[in-house]
Amino acid sequence: MKLAQLSAFAVALVMSSLVMAEGGGDRTFEKMMAANDRSVELFAAKEQARDPVVVNEKKNDKNQDL
């Protein structure tokens, strides 16, 4: 009986290590990075569609600081 319990424990330990080796962490990270890349692409496309904001800090005679 003790041998059966020991072998069952060993099999459970081996099976759990095999299952955990191919865990969903890599797939989840890959999905997250793909979603992030898509989000960045959509943001860049949206920003290019807008009119650019031009800041002109050139000073002339009319815009002198007092």
Protein backbone atom coordinates (compact mmCIF):
# COMPACT_ATOMS: atom_id res chain seq x y z
CA MET A 1 0.00 0.00 0.00
CA LYS A 2 2.82 2.35 0.85
CA LEU A 3 4.43 1.66 -2.55
CA ALA A 4 1.14 2.53 -4.30
CA GLN A 5 0.83 5.81 -2.43
CA LEU A 6 4.45 6.70 -3.15
CA SER A 7 4.12 5.89 -6.85
CA ALA A 8 0.85 7.84 -7.09
CA PHE A 9 2.55 10.84 -5.48
CA ALA A 10 5.49 10.55 -7.89
CA VAL A 11 3.16 10.35 -10.91
CA ALA A 12 1.17 13.36 -9.69
CA LEU A 13 4.38 15.32 -9.18
CA VAL A 14 5.69 14.47 -12.65
CA MET A 15 2.35 15.26 -14.30
CA SER A 16 2.03 18.60 -12.54
CA SER A 17 5.53 19.65 -13.57
CA LEU A 18 4.80 18.72 -17.20
CA VAL A 19 1.54 20.63 -17.19
CA MET A 20 3.06 23.69 -15.56
CA ALA A 21 5.95 23.75 -18.05
CA GLU A 22 3.51 24.57 -20.86
CA GLY A 23 1.41 26.91 -18.78
CA GLY A 24 -0.71 29.66 -20.21
CA GLY A 25 1.68 32.41 -19.17
CA ASP A 26 3.45 32.56 -22.53
CA ARG A 27 0.20 32.51 -24.47
CA THR A 28 -1.29 35.19 -22.27
CA PHE A 29 1.81 37.37 -22.68
CA GLU A 30 1.72 36.87 -26.45
CA LYS A 31 -1.95 37.87 -26.60
CA MET A 32 -1.25 40.91 -24.44
CA MET A 33 1.62 42.05 -26.67
CA ALA A 34 -0.46 41.52 -29.84
CA ALA A 35 -3.28 43.60 -28.35
CA ASN A 36 -0.78 46.30 -27.35
CA ASP A 37 0.73 46.40 -30.85
CA ARG A 38 -2.73 46.69 -32.39
CA SER A 39 -3.63 49.46 -29.95
CA VAL A 40 -0.48 51.41 -30.83
CA GLU A 41 -1.21 51.02 -34.55
CA LEU A 42 -4.77 52.31 -34.10
CA PHE A 43 -3.54 55.24 -31.99
CA ALA A 44 -0.90 56.18 -34.58
CA ALA A 45 -3.47 56.01 -37.38
CA LYS A 46 -5.88 58.18 -35.40
CA GLU A 47 -3.19 60.76 -34.63
CA GLN A 48 -2.15 60.96 -38.28
CA ALA A 49 -5.75 61.62 -39.29
CA ARG A 50 -5.91 64.73 -37.12
CA ASP A 51 -4.62 68.09 -38.25
CA PRO A 52 -1.17 68.66 -36.81
CA VAL A 53 -0.87 71.23 -34.07
CA VAL A 54 1.71 73.85 -34.95
CA VAL A 55 3.35 75.84 -32.21
CA ASN A 56 5.09 78.94 -33.45
CA GLU A 57 7.32 80.48 -30.84
CA LYS A 58 9.05 82.79 -33.23
CA LYS A 59 9.04 86.32 -31.86
CA ASN A 60 8.76 89.42 -33.92
CA ASP A 61 8.30 93.12 -33.21
CA LYS A 62 4.60 92.71 -32.40
CA ASN A 63 5.10 89.87 -29.90
CA GLN A 64 7.79 91.35 -27.68
CA ASP A 65 7.76 90.60 -24.00
CA LEU A 66 7.62 93.64 -21.74
